[in-house]
Amino acid sequence: MRVNCVGAIIVADSEILLVRRGHPPGEGLWSIPGGRVEVGESDEAALRREVLEETGLRVAVGALAGVVERPGPNGVVYVIRDYVATVVAGSLAPGDDAADARWCSRAELDALPLTDGLLAALQAWHVLPPDHPT
């Protein structure tokens, strides 16, 4: 079974927004905010909903950065479409299934336990914050 999901790549002031997963898959690991697309929901609507639920932030959804497939339990495959997004309102506060949320510099990413393949995908899509703030 294939499950449609979305993720938000949000970079501001040379930092990327990450959430620490509070539930499987990836419980305890850091990733970009996102989740499942509900039946009848567009990717854009799902992304706005997931980011708001997990971070308290409202976003404008931009271009598709890339697509990854990740294995899940019992033969499930998560098809994750990751979009660039920009914060338009709200205050950062973890919620829903996010145990924590924070802005991270490029250097901090190397020290965090990230979900499998996240850093490689972000590098391949050229969407990481710069190594040094400008």
C-alpha atoms as a PDB file:
ATOM      1  CA  MET A   1       0.000   0.000   0.000  1.00  0.00           C
ATOM      2  CA  ARG A   2       1.245   3.482  -0.908  1.00  0.00           C
ATOM      3  CA  VAL A   3       0.501   6.400   1.416  1.00  0.00           C
ATOM      4  CA  ASN A   4       0.658   9.958   0.078  1.00  0.00           C
ATOM      5  CA  CYS A   5       2.487  12.399   2.364  1.00  0.00           C
ATOM      6  CA  VAL A   6       3.871  15.926   2.192  1.00  0.00           C
ATOM      7  CA  GLY A   7       6.742  17.738   3.882  1.00  0.00           C
ATOM      8  CA  ALA A   8       7.624  21.414   4.269  1.00  0.00           C
ATOM      9  CA  ILE A   9      11.118  22.741   3.701  1.00  0.00           C
ATOM     10  CA  ILE A  10      11.101  26.070   5.527  1.00  0.00           C
ATOM     11  CA  VAL A  11      14.316  28.091   5.564  1.00  0.00           C
ATOM     12  CA  ALA A  12      14.533  31.562   7.131  1.00  0.00           C
ATOM     13  CA  ASP A  13      17.463  33.631   8.392  1.00  0.00           C
ATOM     14  CA  SER A  14      19.943  30.878   7.392  1.00  0.00           C
ATOM     15  CA  GLU A  15      18.117  28.235   9.463  1.00  0.00           C
ATOM     16  CA  ILE A  16      15.795  25.358   8.600  1.00  0.00           C
ATOM     17  CA  LEU A  17      12.715  24.435  10.609  1.00  0.00           C
ATOM     18  CA  LEU A  18      12.780  20.909  12.038  1.00  0.00           C
ATOM     19  CA  VAL A  19      10.439  18.928  14.281  1.00  0.00           C
ATOM     20  CA  ARG A  20      11.291  15.988  16.521  1.00  0.00           C
ATOM     21  CA  ARG A  21       8.861  13.185  15.802  1.00  0.00           C
ATOM     22  CA  GLY A  22       6.750  12.195  18.794  1.00  0.00           C
ATOM     23  CA  HIS A  23       5.329   9.016  17.221  1.00  0.00           C
ATOM     24  CA  PRO A  24       6.406   6.318  14.750  1.00  0.00           C
ATOM     25  CA  PRO A  25       7.651   6.314  12.095  1.00  0.00           C
ATOM     26  CA  GLY A  26      10.825   8.077  13.136  1.00  0.00           C
ATOM     27  CA  GLU A  27       9.877   8.668  16.759  1.00  0.00           C
ATOM     28  CA  GLY A  28      12.572  10.744  18.469  1.00  0.00           C
ATOM     29  CA  LEU A  29      14.253  11.691  15.189  1.00  0.00           C
ATOM     30  CA  TRP A  30      14.336  15.175  13.683  1.00  0.00           C
ATOM     31  CA  SER A  31      12.733  15.877  10.310  1.00  0.00           C
ATOM     32  CA  ILE A  32      10.923  18.561   8.392  1.00  0.00           C
ATOM     33  CA  PRO A  33       7.276  19.120   9.372  1.00  0.00           C
ATOM     34  CA  GLY A  34       4.710  17.153   7.407  1.00  0.00           C
ATOM     35  CA  GLY A  35       2.473  14.128   7.303  1.00  0.00           C
ATOM     36  CA  ARG A  36      -0.254  12.276   5.462  1.00  0.00           C
ATOM     37  CA  VAL A  37      -2.476  13.762   2.801  1.00  0.00           C
ATOM     38  CA  GLU A  38      -6.103  13.095   3.788  1.00  0.00           C
ATOM     39  CA  VAL A  39      -8.646  11.770   1.263  1.00  0.00           C
ATOM     40  CA  GLY A  40      -9.837  14.615  -0.974  1.00  0.00           C
ATOM     41  CA  GLU A  41      -7.150  16.987   0.294  1.00  0.00           C
ATOM     42  CA  SER A  42      -4.700  18.740  -2.023  1.00  0.00           C
ATOM     43  CA  ASP A  43      -0.975  18.652  -1.295  1.00  0.00           C
ATOM     44  CA  GLU A  44      -1.075  22.400  -0.572  1.00  0.00           C
ATOM     45  CA  ALA A  45      -3.959  22.095   1.909  1.00  0.00           C
ATOM     46  CA  ALA A  46      -2.325  19.088   3.596  1.00  0.00           C
ATOM     47  CA  LEU A  47       0.981  20.899   3.916  1.00  0.00           C
ATOM     48  CA  ARG A  48      -0.600  24.019   5.428  1.00  0.00           C
ATOM     49  CA  ARG A  49      -2.590  21.848   7.874  1.00  0.00           C
ATOM     50  CA  GLU A  50       0.348  19.668   8.916  1.00  0.00           C
ATOM     51  CA  VAL A  51       2.716  22.613   9.461  1.00  0.00           C
ATOM     52  CA  LEU A  52       0.115  24.457  11.543  1.00  0.00           C
ATOM     53  CA  GLU A  53      -0.639  21.354  13.643  1.00  0.00           C
ATOM     54  CA  GLU A  54       3.026  20.499  14.241  1.00  0.00           C
ATOM     55  CA  THR A  55       4.546  23.971  14.627  1.00  0.00           C
ATOM     56  CA  GLY A  56       1.837  26.596  15.169  1.00  0.00           C
ATOM     57  CA  LEU A  57       3.007  28.385  12.006  1.00  0.00           C
ATOM     58  CA  ARG A  58       1.001  29.336   8.936  1.00  0.00           C
ATOM     59  CA  VAL A  59       2.816  28.947   5.636  1.00  0.00           C
ATOM     60  CA  ALA A  60       2.592  29.816   1.979  1.00  0.00           C
ATOM     61  CA  VAL A  61       3.396  26.759  -0.122  1.00  0.00           C
ATOM     62  CA  GLY A  62       5.933  27.142  -2.916  1.00  0.00           C
ATOM     63  CA  ALA A  63       7.526  24.843  -5.456  1.00  0.00           C
ATOM     64  CA  LEU A  64       7.924  21.086  -5.211  1.00  0.00           C
ATOM     65  CA  ALA A  65      11.525  20.415  -4.150  1.00  0.00           C
ATOM     66  CA  GLY A  66      11.477  16.656  -4.660  1.00  0.00           C
ATOM     67  CA  VAL A  67       9.858  13.295  -3.953  1.00  0.00           C
ATOM     68  CA  VAL A  68      11.127  10.412  -1.832  1.00  0.00           C
ATOM     69  CA  GLU A  69       9.736   6.999  -0.999  1.00  0.00           C
ATOM     70  CA  ARG A  70      10.302   5.525   2.455  1.00  0.00           C
ATOM     71  CA  PRO A  71       9.354   2.029   3.645  1.00  0.00           C
ATOM     72  CA  GLY A  72       6.885   1.724   6.494  1.00  0.00           C
ATOM     73  CA  PRO A  73       5.480  -1.109   8.576  1.00  0.00           C
ATOM     74  CA  ASN A  74       3.646  -4.051   7.013  1.00  0.00           C
ATOM     75  CA  GLY A  75       4.739  -3.284   3.453  1.00  0.00           C
ATOM     76  CA  VAL A  76       3.508   0.321   3.470  1.00  0.00           C
ATOM     77  CA  VAL A  77       5.453   2.758   1.287  1.00  0.00           C
ATOM     78  CA  TYR A  78       5.274   6.444   2.189  1.00  0.00           C
ATOM     79  CA  VAL A  79       5.425   8.602  -0.951  1.00  0.00           C
ATOM     80  CA  ILE A  80       6.566  11.979   0.372  1.00  0.00           C
ATOM     81  CA  ARG A  81       6.376  15.107  -1.764  1.00  0.00           C
ATOM     82  CA  ASP A  82       8.477  17.849  -0.162  1.00  0.00           C
ATOM     83  CA  TYR A  83       7.681  21.483  -0.935  1.00  0.00           C
ATOM     84  CA  VAL A  84       9.470  24.724  -0.211  1.00  0.00           C
ATOM     85  CA  ALA A  85       7.327  26.871   2.104  1.00  0.00           C
ATOM     86  CA  THR A  86       7.504  30.304   3.711  1.00  0.00           C
ATOM     87  CA  VAL A  87       6.203  31.319   7.138  1.00  0.00           C
ATOM     88  CA  VAL A  88       3.491  33.984   6.885  1.00  0.00           C
ATOM     89  CA  ALA A  89       2.132  34.029  10.467  1.00  0.00           C
ATOM     90  CA  GLY A  90       2.152  32.340  13.863  1.00  0.00           C
ATOM     91  CA  SER A  91       4.521  31.589  16.705  1.00  0.00           C
ATOM     92  CA  LEU A  92       6.662  28.465  16.831  1.00  0.00           C
ATOM     93  CA  ALA A  93       5.265  25.921  19.296  1.00  0.00           C
ATOM     94  CA  PRO A  94       5.407  22.127  18.871  1.00  0.00           C
ATOM     95  CA  GLY A  95       2.058  20.378  18.698  1.00  0.00           C
ATOM     96  CA  ASP A  96       0.154  17.346  17.411  1.00  0.00           C
ATOM     97  CA  ASP A  97       2.708  14.539  16.899  1.00  0.00           C
ATOM     98  CA  ALA A  98       5.769  16.824  17.131  1.00  0.00           C
ATOM     99  CA  ALA A  99       7.603  16.414  20.449  1.00  0.00           C
ATOM    100  CA  ASP A 100       9.706  19.520  19.748  1.00  0.00           C
ATOM    101  CA  ALA A 101      10.262  22.114  17.024  1.00  0.00           C
ATOM    102  CA  ARG A 102      13.213  24.383  16.415  1.00  0.00           C
ATOM    103  CA  TRP A 103      15.165  26.401  13.894  1.00  0.00           C
ATOM    104  CA  CYS A 104      18.555  24.841  13.064  1.00  0.00           C
ATOM    105  CA  SER A 105      21.643  26.173  11.357  1.00  0.00           C
ATOM    106  CA  ARG A 106      23.342  24.089   8.681  1.00  0.00           C
ATOM    107  CA  ALA A 107      26.085  23.153  11.174  1.00  0.00           C
ATOM    108  CA  GLU A 108      23.553  21.960  13.771  1.00  0.00           C
ATOM    109  CA  LEU A 109      22.044  19.455  11.320  1.00  0.00           C
ATOM    110  CA  ASP A 110      25.167  17.293  11.528  1.00  0.00           C
ATOM    111  CA  ALA A 111      24.752  16.912  15.308  1.00  0.00           C
ATOM    112  CA  LEU A 112      21.047  15.972  15.315  1.00  0.00           C
ATOM    113  CA  PRO A 113      19.616  12.474  14.875  1.00  0.00           C
ATOM    114  CA  LEU A 114      17.770  12.989  11.576  1.00  0.00           C
ATOM    115  CA  THR A 115      15.289  10.718   9.819  1.00  0.00           C
ATOM    116  CA  ASP A 116      16.897   8.383   7.283  1.00  0.00           C
ATOM    117  CA  GLY A 117      17.796  10.068   4.028  1.00  0.00           C
ATOM    118  CA  LEU A 118      16.693  13.578   5.040  1.00  0.00           C
ATOM    119  CA  LEU A 119      20.057  15.302   4.814  1.00  0.00           C
ATOM    120  CA  ALA A 120      20.968  13.601   1.529  1.00  0.00           C
ATOM    121  CA  ALA A 121      17.644  14.601  -0.058  1.00  0.00           C
ATOM    122  CA  LEU A 122      17.915  18.218   1.095  1.00  0.00           C
ATOM    123  CA  GLN A 123      21.483  18.367  -0.238  1.00  0.00           C
ATOM    124  CA  ALA A 124      20.480  16.844  -3.585  1.00  0.00           C
ATOM    125  CA  TRP A 125      17.629  19.350  -3.962  1.00  0.00           C
ATOM    126  CA  HIS A 126      19.880  22.311  -2.990  1.00  0.00           C
ATOM    127  CA  VAL A 127      17.463  23.562  -0.324  1.00  0.00           C
ATOM    128  CA  LEU A 128      19.682  23.568   2.768  1.00  0.00           C
ATOM    129  CA  PRO A 129      20.451  26.830   4.557  1.00  0.00           C
ATOM    130  CA  PRO A 130      23.924  28.200   3.801  1.00  0.00           C
ATOM    131  CA  ASP A 131      26.865  26.990   5.889  1.00  0.00           C
ATOM    132  CA  HIS A 132      27.437  30.496   7.187  1.00  0.00           C
ATOM    133  CA  PRO A 133      24.766  33.190   7.688  1.00  0.00           C
ATOM    134  CA  THR A 134      24.981  36.025   5.205  1.00  0.00           C
END
